[in-house]
Amino acid sequence: MNRRRFLSFLFAVCAAAIAWPVDALAGETEKVAPQQTWARLRFRADRSDDDDWNVHPNADLNLIEVINRNTTLNVEPKWYVADVAKLEEMVQHPFLFMHAELPPMFSDAERANLREYLLRGGFLFAEDCVNGKGRTSGWPNYGDVFFRRMSAELPRIVPEAKFELLSNSHPVFHNVFGFRDGMPRMQGRSSGLWALTLNGRVLALLSPCDIHCGWANGDQWFHPGAAAIALRMGVNIYVFAMTQGE
């Protein structure tokens, strides 16, 4: 994983990366940082589901475009897959996105891989989805089951870390774009943004708010302007993940 080398390049351009106004979604920036990758975490969910992890991949590409147009960060305009069962795939990417509606079913070996990835310097953003799989699979009270399972899994994976709800004053809500009211909510039963923190570094963020669907088609699925709100929060999360402490 080349996160340390990435951050050494990025240090000099962080101020530019976090200085854009709220209406800068159409901007263009000169790229100084080395190109990085975006990857989805592949995992098996409840009832042997091996498909819930890859819903709406176009949304990832939409966010990558907005990151590249509004910051000096340089993200390759494609998405990769890193299987949780293969640490060698995971450590190729400094940032992993994990998204589903059904609860993940990790083996002990997969938990060990996630722990190793996070402790080596990797970052995980995990988010609950509402895509209908919970209903069709017969899950009782299926809303937010991914979020509830991950709320239990993250402290289990890194038990020495602190897992807590972030306040609205946290820097993740105030770097590129400003969110006075904290995490915007697209859908789902819960709200807020939770962090897994160890020795002052956030290892992972977990959300039940489904901003990913906002990246995909927010204006049509939710309300006019939802896509821009969700994309801006996605930019904030990525910039925070890649620059925290610098």
C-alpha atoms as a PDB file:
ATOM      1  CA  MET A   1       0.000   0.000   0.000  1.00  0.00           C
ATOM      2  CA  ASN A   2       1.420   3.395  -1.036  1.00  0.00           C
ATOM      3  CA  ARG A   3      -0.618   5.600   1.330  1.00  0.00           C
ATOM      4  CA  ARG A   4       2.506   7.052   2.998  1.00  0.00           C
ATOM      5  CA  ARG A   5       4.043   8.014  -0.342  1.00  0.00           C
ATOM      6  CA  PHE A   6       0.697   9.431  -1.451  1.00  0.00           C
ATOM      7  CA  LEU A   7       0.413  11.594   1.658  1.00  0.00           C
ATOM      8  CA  SER A   8       3.962  12.901   1.277  1.00  0.00           C
ATOM      9  CA  PHE A   9       3.014  14.195  -2.187  1.00  0.00           C
ATOM     10  CA  LEU A  10      -0.358  15.413  -1.026  1.00  0.00           C
ATOM     11  CA  PHE A  11       0.824  17.454   1.956  1.00  0.00           C
ATOM     12  CA  ALA A  12       1.807  20.413  -0.191  1.00  0.00           C
ATOM     13  CA  VAL A  13      -1.552  20.552  -1.986  1.00  0.00           C
ATOM     14  CA  CYS A  14      -4.005  19.874   0.849  1.00  0.00           C
ATOM     15  CA  ALA A  15      -4.873  23.547   1.206  1.00  0.00           C
ATOM     16  CA  ALA A  16      -5.937  23.667  -2.423  1.00  0.00           C
ATOM     17  CA  ALA A  17      -7.874  20.450  -2.057  1.00  0.00           C
ATOM     18  CA  ILE A  18     -10.031  21.796   0.754  1.00  0.00           C
ATOM     19  CA  ALA A  19     -10.589  25.387  -0.303  1.00  0.00           C
ATOM     20  CA  TRP A  20     -13.346  25.046  -2.898  1.00  0.00           C
ATOM     21  CA  PRO A  21     -16.706  26.736  -2.279  1.00  0.00           C
ATOM     22  CA  VAL A  22     -19.938  24.776  -1.929  1.00  0.00           C
ATOM     23  CA  ASP A  23     -21.031  25.499  -5.496  1.00  0.00           C
ATOM     24  CA  ALA A  24     -17.817  24.285  -7.147  1.00  0.00           C
ATOM     25  CA  LEU A  25     -19.164  21.008  -8.558  1.00  0.00           C
ATOM     26  CA  ALA A  26     -18.343  22.106 -12.097  1.00  0.00           C
ATOM     27  CA  GLY A  27     -14.779  23.188 -11.389  1.00  0.00           C
ATOM     28  CA  GLU A  28     -11.503  22.028 -12.906  1.00  0.00           C
ATOM     29  CA  THR A  29      -8.263  21.580 -10.962  1.00  0.00           C
ATOM     30  CA  GLU A  30      -4.692  20.841 -11.868  1.00  0.00           C
ATOM     31  CA  LYS A  31      -3.582  17.417 -10.649  1.00  0.00           C
ATOM     32  CA  VAL A  32      -0.472  17.343  -8.488  1.00  0.00           C
ATOM     33  CA  ALA A  33      -0.922  14.213  -6.381  1.00  0.00           C
ATOM     34  CA  PRO A  34      -0.151  10.779  -7.845  1.00  0.00           C
ATOM     35  CA  GLN A  35      -3.107   8.875  -9.240  1.00  0.00           C
ATOM     36  CA  GLN A  36      -4.957   6.654  -6.783  1.00  0.00           C
ATOM     37  CA  THR A  37      -7.482   3.861  -7.180  1.00  0.00           C
ATOM     38  CA  TRP A  38     -11.039   3.423  -5.955  1.00  0.00           C
ATOM     39  CA  ALA A  39     -12.131  -0.082  -5.014  1.00  0.00           C
ATOM     40  CA  ARG A  40     -15.269  -1.829  -3.785  1.00  0.00           C
ATOM     41  CA  LEU A  41     -14.942  -4.457  -1.087  1.00  0.00           C
ATOM     42  CA  ARG A  42     -16.424  -7.761  -2.210  1.00  0.00           C
ATOM     43  CA  PHE A  43     -17.912  -9.918   0.534  1.00  0.00           C
ATOM     44  CA  ARG A  44     -20.532 -12.584   1.066  1.00  0.00           C
ATOM     45  CA  ALA A  45     -23.787 -11.505   2.719  1.00  0.00           C
ATOM     46  CA  ASP A  46     -26.527 -13.344   4.559  1.00  0.00           C
ATOM     47  CA  ARG A  47     -27.934 -16.481   2.874  1.00  0.00           C
ATOM     48  CA  SER A  48     -24.817 -16.836   0.697  1.00  0.00           C
ATOM     49  CA  ASP A  49     -25.602 -13.705  -1.300  1.00  0.00           C
ATOM     50  CA  ASP A  50     -22.571 -12.818  -3.460  1.00  0.00           C
ATOM     51  CA  ASP A  51     -24.172  -9.975  -5.384  1.00  0.00           C
ATOM     52  CA  ASP A  52     -25.359  -7.382  -2.868  1.00  0.00           C
ATOM     53  CA  TRP A  53     -21.941  -5.710  -2.625  1.00  0.00           C
ATOM     54  CA  ASN A  54     -21.935  -4.350  -6.207  1.00  0.00           C
ATOM     55  CA  VAL A  55     -25.182  -2.364  -6.462  1.00  0.00           C
ATOM     56  CA  HIS A  56     -25.150   0.787  -8.660  1.00  0.00           C
ATOM     57  CA  PRO A  57     -21.459   0.870  -9.687  1.00  0.00           C
ATOM     58  CA  ASN A  58     -22.166   3.958 -11.815  1.00  0.00           C
ATOM     59  CA  ALA A  59     -22.525   5.885  -8.568  1.00  0.00           C
ATOM     60  CA  ASP A  60     -18.861   5.306  -7.709  1.00  0.00           C
ATOM     61  CA  LEU A  61     -17.844   6.704 -11.094  1.00  0.00           C
ATOM     62  CA  ASN A  62     -20.040   9.767 -10.570  1.00  0.00           C
ATOM     63  CA  LEU A  63     -18.305  10.483  -7.272  1.00  0.00           C
ATOM     64  CA  ILE A  64     -14.832   9.941  -8.720  1.00  0.00           C
ATOM     65  CA  GLU A  65     -15.612  12.522 -11.407  1.00  0.00           C
ATOM     66  CA  VAL A  66     -16.715  15.072  -8.798  1.00  0.00           C
ATOM     67  CA  ILE A  67     -13.617  14.406  -6.662  1.00  0.00           C
ATOM     68  CA  ASN A  68     -11.371  14.964  -9.657  1.00  0.00           C
ATOM     69  CA  ARG A  69     -13.196  18.124 -10.765  1.00  0.00           C
ATOM     70  CA  ASN A  70     -13.273  19.783  -7.367  1.00  0.00           C
ATOM     71  CA  THR A  71     -10.013  18.862  -5.637  1.00  0.00           C
ATOM     72  CA  THR A  72      -6.361  18.418  -6.481  1.00  0.00           C
ATOM     73  CA  LEU A  73      -6.709  14.714  -5.727  1.00  0.00           C
ATOM     74  CA  ASN A  74      -6.232  12.395  -8.668  1.00  0.00           C
ATOM     75  CA  VAL A  75      -8.438   9.288  -8.702  1.00  0.00           C
ATOM     76  CA  GLU A  76      -8.364   6.854 -11.616  1.00  0.00           C
ATOM     77  CA  PRO A  77     -11.796   7.031 -13.334  1.00  0.00           C
ATOM     78  CA  LYS A  78     -12.715   3.380 -12.859  1.00  0.00           C
ATOM     79  CA  TRP A  79     -13.524   1.103  -9.952  1.00  0.00           C
ATOM     80  CA  TYR A  80     -11.726  -2.030  -8.875  1.00  0.00           C
ATOM     81  CA  VAL A  81     -12.796  -4.995  -6.762  1.00  0.00           C
ATOM     82  CA  ALA A  82     -10.930  -6.149  -3.659  1.00  0.00           C
ATOM     83  CA  ASP A  83     -12.183  -9.367  -2.091  1.00  0.00           C
ATOM     84  CA  VAL A  84     -12.255  -9.408   1.693  1.00  0.00           C
ATOM     85  CA  ALA A  85     -10.904 -12.960   1.521  1.00  0.00           C
ATOM     86  CA  LYS A  86      -7.752 -11.743  -0.274  1.00  0.00           C
ATOM     87  CA  LEU A  87      -5.585  -9.366   1.717  1.00  0.00           C
ATOM     88  CA  GLU A  88      -3.193  -9.026  -1.222  1.00  0.00           C
ATOM     89  CA  GLU A  89      -6.023  -7.413  -3.233  1.00  0.00           C
ATOM     90  CA  MET A  90      -7.159  -5.145  -0.427  1.00  0.00           C
ATOM     91  CA  VAL A  91      -3.767  -3.607   0.284  1.00  0.00           C
ATOM     92  CA  GLN A  92      -3.441  -2.400  -3.318  1.00  0.00           C
ATOM     93  CA  HIS A  93      -5.964   0.336  -2.532  1.00  0.00           C
ATOM     94  CA  PRO A  94      -5.689   3.003   0.191  1.00  0.00           C
ATOM     95  CA  PHE A  95      -9.489   3.469   0.249  1.00  0.00           C
ATOM     96  CA  LEU A  96     -12.177   0.775   0.129  1.00  0.00           C
ATOM     97  CA  PHE A  97     -15.909   1.352  -0.254  1.00  0.00           C
ATOM     98  CA  MET A  98     -18.323  -1.236   1.157  1.00  0.00           C
ATOM     99  CA  HIS A  99     -22.026  -1.047   0.375  1.00  0.00           C
ATOM    100  CA  ALA A 100     -25.012  -3.409   0.739  1.00  0.00           C
ATOM    101  CA  GLU A 101     -28.427  -3.940   2.274  1.00  0.00           C
ATOM    102  CA  LEU A 102     -27.993  -7.476   3.618  1.00  0.00           C
ATOM    103  CA  PRO A 103     -25.743  -8.131   6.632  1.00  0.00           C
ATOM    104  CA  PRO A 104     -22.198  -9.286   5.793  1.00  0.00           C
ATOM    105  CA  MET A 105     -21.144 -12.748   6.898  1.00  0.00           C
ATOM    106  CA  PHE A 106     -17.396 -12.571   7.618  1.00  0.00           C
ATOM    107  CA  SER A 107     -15.263 -15.559   8.411  1.00  0.00           C
ATOM    108  CA  ASP A 108     -12.591 -15.234  11.080  1.00  0.00           C
ATOM    109  CA  ALA A 109      -9.974 -15.106   8.311  1.00  0.00           C
ATOM    110  CA  GLU A 110     -11.822 -12.248   6.600  1.00  0.00           C
ATOM    111  CA  ARG A 111     -12.056 -10.332   9.866  1.00  0.00           C
ATOM    112  CA  ALA A 112      -8.304 -10.809  10.270  1.00  0.00           C
ATOM    113  CA  ASN A 113      -7.774  -9.444   6.741  1.00  0.00           C
ATOM    114  CA  LEU A 114      -9.869  -6.360   7.460  1.00  0.00           C
ATOM    115  CA  ARG A 115      -8.008  -5.775  10.691  1.00  0.00           C
ATOM    116  CA  GLU A 116      -4.623  -6.068   8.976  1.00  0.00           C
ATOM    117  CA  TYR A 117      -5.738  -3.769   6.172  1.00  0.00           C
ATOM    118  CA  LEU A 118      -6.923  -1.077   8.573  1.00  0.00           C
ATOM    119  CA  LEU A 119      -3.883  -1.290  10.823  1.00  0.00           C
ATOM    120  CA  ARG A 120      -1.535  -1.004   7.840  1.00  0.00           C
ATOM    121  CA  GLY A 121      -3.073   2.359   6.999  1.00  0.00           C
ATOM    122  CA  GLY A 122      -6.032   1.485   4.798  1.00  0.00           C
ATOM    123  CA  PHE A 123      -9.387   3.224   5.123  1.00  0.00           C
ATOM    124  CA  LEU A 124     -12.883   1.719   4.894  1.00  0.00           C
ATOM    125  CA  PHE A 125     -16.104   3.608   4.202  1.00  0.00           C
ATOM    126  CA  ALA A 126     -19.076   1.290   4.739  1.00  0.00           C
ATOM    127  CA  GLU A 127     -22.646   2.319   4.043  1.00  0.00           C
ATOM    128  CA  ASP A 128     -26.085   0.820   4.374  1.00  0.00           C
ATOM    129  CA  CYS A 129     -28.192   0.485   1.216  1.00  0.00           C
ATOM    130  CA  VAL A 130     -31.927   0.130   0.609  1.00  0.00           C
ATOM    131  CA  ASN A 131     -32.180  -1.811  -2.639  1.00  0.00           C
ATOM    132  CA  GLY A 132     -34.980  -4.327  -2.047  1.00  0.00           C
ATOM    133  CA  LYS A 133     -32.853  -7.372  -1.326  1.00  0.00           C
ATOM    134  CA  GLY A 134     -33.893  -7.366   2.315  1.00  0.00           C
ATOM    135  CA  ARG A 135     -37.550  -7.543   1.340  1.00  0.00           C
ATOM    136  CA  THR A 136     -37.136 -10.232  -1.310  1.00  0.00           C
ATOM    137  CA  SER A 137     -34.930 -12.376   0.926  1.00  0.00           C
ATOM    138  CA  GLY A 138     -37.527 -12.354   3.678  1.00  0.00           C
ATOM    139  CA  TRP A 139     -35.498 -10.512   6.302  1.00  0.00           C
ATOM    140  CA  PRO A 140     -37.736  -9.378   9.171  1.00  0.00           C
ATOM    141  CA  ASN A 141     -37.431  -5.643   9.871  1.00  0.00           C
ATOM    142  CA  TYR A 142     -34.838  -5.567   7.106  1.00  0.00           C
ATOM    143  CA  GLY A 143     -34.158  -1.816   7.131  1.00  0.00           C
ATOM    144  CA  ASP A 144     -30.596  -0.924   8.178  1.00  0.00           C
ATOM    145  CA  VAL A 145     -29.565  -4.540   8.856  1.00  0.00           C
ATOM    146  CA  PHE A 146     -26.230  -3.961   7.098  1.00  0.00           C
ATOM    147  CA  PHE A 147     -25.606  -0.950   9.307  1.00  0.00           C
ATOM    148  CA  ARG A 148     -26.534  -2.829  12.463  1.00  0.00           C
ATOM    149  CA  ARG A 149     -24.285  -5.763  11.592  1.00  0.00           C
ATOM    150  CA  MET A 150     -21.333  -3.533  10.731  1.00  0.00           C
ATOM    151  CA  SER A 151     -21.880  -1.600  13.974  1.00  0.00           C
ATOM    152  CA  ALA A 152     -21.111  -4.884  15.722  1.00  0.00           C
ATOM    153  CA  GLU A 153     -18.381  -6.068  13.357  1.00  0.00           C
ATOM    154  CA  LEU A 154     -16.118  -3.019  13.340  1.00  0.00           C
ATOM    155  CA  PRO A 155     -15.538  -2.990  17.130  1.00  0.00           C
ATOM    156  CA  ARG A 156     -15.024  -6.741  16.958  1.00  0.00           C
ATOM    157  CA  ILE A 157     -12.411  -6.410  14.205  1.00  0.00           C
ATOM    158  CA  VAL A 158     -10.426  -3.708  16.039  1.00  0.00           C
ATOM    159  CA  PRO A 159     -11.548  -4.012  19.678  1.00  0.00           C
ATOM    160  CA  GLU A 160      -8.868  -1.624  20.949  1.00  0.00           C
ATOM    161  CA  ALA A 161     -10.330   1.188  18.809  1.00  0.00           C
ATOM    162  CA  LYS A 162     -13.120   3.590  19.791  1.00  0.00           C
ATOM    163  CA  PHE A 163     -16.402   3.325  17.869  1.00  0.00           C
ATOM    164  CA  GLU A 164     -18.621   6.378  18.207  1.00  0.00           C
ATOM    165  CA  LEU A 165     -21.102   8.690  16.533  1.00  0.00           C
ATOM    166  CA  LEU A 166     -19.385  11.791  15.152  1.00  0.00           C
ATOM    167  CA  SER A 167     -20.555  15.230  16.190  1.00  0.00           C
ATOM    168  CA  ASN A 168     -21.614  17.771  13.576  1.00  0.00           C
ATOM    169  CA  SER A 169     -18.413  19.718  14.286  1.00  0.00           C
ATOM    170  CA  HIS A 170     -16.133  16.888  13.134  1.00  0.00           C
ATOM    171  CA  PRO A 171     -13.690  17.849  10.322  1.00  0.00           C
ATOM    172  CA  VAL A 172     -15.232  15.325   7.912  1.00  0.00           C
ATOM    173  CA  PHE A 173     -18.228  17.659   7.670  1.00  0.00           C
ATOM    174  CA  HIS A 174     -16.146  20.805   7.128  1.00  0.00           C
ATOM    175  CA  ASN A 175     -13.263  20.211   4.714  1.00  0.00           C
ATOM    176  CA  VAL A 176     -14.205  20.736   1.051  1.00  0.00           C
ATOM    177  CA  PHE A 177     -17.903  21.413   1.602  1.00  0.00           C
ATOM    178  CA  GLY A 178     -19.702  22.544   4.732  1.00  0.00           C
ATOM    179  CA  PHE A 179     -22.419  20.465   6.426  1.00  0.00           C
ATOM    180  CA  ARG A 180     -23.630  22.302   9.516  1.00  0.00           C
ATOM    181  CA  ASP A 181     -26.150  19.566  10.297  1.00  0.00           C
ATOM    182  CA  GLY A 182     -23.744  16.678   9.880  1.00  0.00           C
ATOM    183  CA  MET A 183     -24.403  13.624   7.715  1.00  0.00           C
ATOM    184  CA  PRO A 184     -27.079  14.132   5.046  1.00  0.00           C
ATOM    185  CA  ARG A 185     -29.639  11.335   4.873  1.00  0.00           C
ATOM    186  CA  MET A 186     -31.046   9.984   1.609  1.00  0.00           C
ATOM    187  CA  GLN A 187     -33.055   7.049   2.998  1.00  0.00           C
ATOM    188  CA  GLY A 188     -33.009   4.379   5.706  1.00  0.00           C
ATOM    189  CA  ARG A 189     -34.265   4.282   9.281  1.00  0.00           C
ATOM    190  CA  SER A 190     -31.200   5.720  11.001  1.00  0.00           C
ATOM    191  CA  SER A 191     -28.930   8.714  10.502  1.00  0.00           C
ATOM    192  CA  GLY A 192     -25.491   9.981  11.437  1.00  0.00           C
ATOM    193  CA  LEU A 193     -21.915   8.957  10.734  1.00  0.00           C
ATOM    194  CA  TRP A 194     -19.953   6.604  12.990  1.00  0.00           C
ATOM    195  CA  ALA A 195     -16.151   6.385  13.193  1.00  0.00           C
ATOM    196  CA  LEU A 196     -13.736   3.664  14.266  1.00  0.00           C
ATOM    197  CA  THR A 197     -10.744   5.533  15.703  1.00  0.00           C
ATOM    198  CA  LEU A 198      -7.410   4.246  16.998  1.00  0.00           C
ATOM    199  CA  ASN A 199      -4.615   6.463  18.362  1.00  0.00           C
ATOM    200  CA  GLY A 200      -6.138   9.551  16.806  1.00  0.00           C
ATOM    201  CA  ARG A 201      -6.568   8.069  13.311  1.00  0.00           C
ATOM    202  CA  VAL A 202      -9.971   7.216  11.877  1.00  0.00           C
ATOM    203  CA  LEU A 203      -9.717   3.717  10.416  1.00  0.00           C
ATOM    204  CA  ALA A 204     -13.266   3.437   9.110  1.00  0.00           C
ATOM    205  CA  LEU A 205     -16.507   5.346   8.731  1.00  0.00           C
ATOM    206  CA  LEU A 206     -19.954   3.733   8.807  1.00  0.00           C
ATOM    207  CA  SER A 207     -23.173   5.348   7.598  1.00  0.00           C
ATOM    208  CA  PRO A 208     -26.832   4.235   7.475  1.00  0.00           C
ATOM    209  CA  CYS A 209     -27.804   7.202   5.294  1.00  0.00           C
ATOM    210  CA  ASP A 210     -27.322   5.737   1.775  1.00  0.00           C
ATOM    211  CA  ILE A 211     -25.638   8.734   0.180  1.00  0.00           C
ATOM    212  CA  HIS A 212     -24.359   6.240  -2.405  1.00  0.00           C
ATOM    213  CA  CYS A 213     -27.831   6.067  -3.974  1.00  0.00           C
ATOM    214  CA  GLY A 214     -27.690   9.847  -4.026  1.00  0.00           C
ATOM    215  CA  TRP A 215     -24.493   9.594  -6.054  1.00  0.00           C
ATOM    216  CA  ALA A 216     -26.293   7.279  -8.469  1.00  0.00           C
ATOM    217  CA  ASN A 217     -29.567   9.083  -9.123  1.00  0.00           C
ATOM    218  CA  GLY A 218     -30.427  11.275  -6.168  1.00  0.00           C
ATOM    219  CA  ASP A 219     -32.525  13.928  -7.917  1.00  0.00           C
ATOM    220  CA  GLN A 220     -34.925  11.327  -9.329  1.00  0.00           C
ATOM    221  CA  TRP A 221     -35.012   8.902  -6.389  1.00  0.00           C
ATOM    222  CA  PHE A 222     -35.156  11.452  -3.558  1.00  0.00           C
ATOM    223  CA  HIS A 223     -35.599  15.160  -4.320  1.00  0.00           C
ATOM    224  CA  PRO A 224     -34.108  17.869  -6.572  1.00  0.00           C
ATOM    225  CA  GLY A 225     -30.629  18.712  -5.353  1.00  0.00           C
ATOM    226  CA  ALA A 226     -30.139  15.420  -3.506  1.00  0.00           C
ATOM    227  CA  ALA A 227     -27.438  14.248  -5.919  1.00  0.00           C
ATOM    228  CA  ALA A 228     -25.293  17.342  -5.327  1.00  0.00           C
ATOM    229  CA  ILE A 229     -25.679  17.027  -1.545  1.00  0.00           C
ATOM    230  CA  ALA A 230     -24.725  13.345  -1.575  1.00  0.00           C
ATOM    231  CA  LEU A 231     -21.794  13.869  -3.927  1.00  0.00           C
ATOM    232  CA  ARG A 232     -20.420  16.723  -1.825  1.00  0.00           C
ATOM    233  CA  MET A 233     -20.530  14.557   1.283  1.00  0.00           C
ATOM    234  CA  GLY A 234     -18.786  11.794  -0.637  1.00  0.00           C
ATOM    235  CA  VAL A 235     -16.033  14.230  -1.602  1.00  0.00           C
ATOM    236  CA  ASN A 236     -15.649  15.248   2.045  1.00  0.00           C
ATOM    237  CA  ILE A 237     -15.357  11.642   3.175  1.00  0.00           C
ATOM    238  CA  TYR A 238     -12.741  10.782   0.556  1.00  0.00           C
ATOM    239  CA  VAL A 239     -10.662  13.911   1.191  1.00  0.00           C
ATOM    240  CA  PHE A 240     -10.810  13.337   4.951  1.00  0.00           C
ATOM    241  CA  ALA A 241      -9.795   9.697   4.553  1.00  0.00           C
ATOM    242  CA  MET A 242      -6.824  10.531   2.381  1.00  0.00           C
ATOM    243  CA  THR A 243      -5.565  13.624   4.196  1.00  0.00           C
ATOM    244  CA  GLN A 244      -6.385  13.213   7.897  1.00  0.00           C
ATOM    245  CA  GLY A 245      -3.452  14.221  10.061  1.00  0.00           C
ATOM    246  CA  GLU A 246      -1.595  15.974   7.243  1.00  0.00           C
END
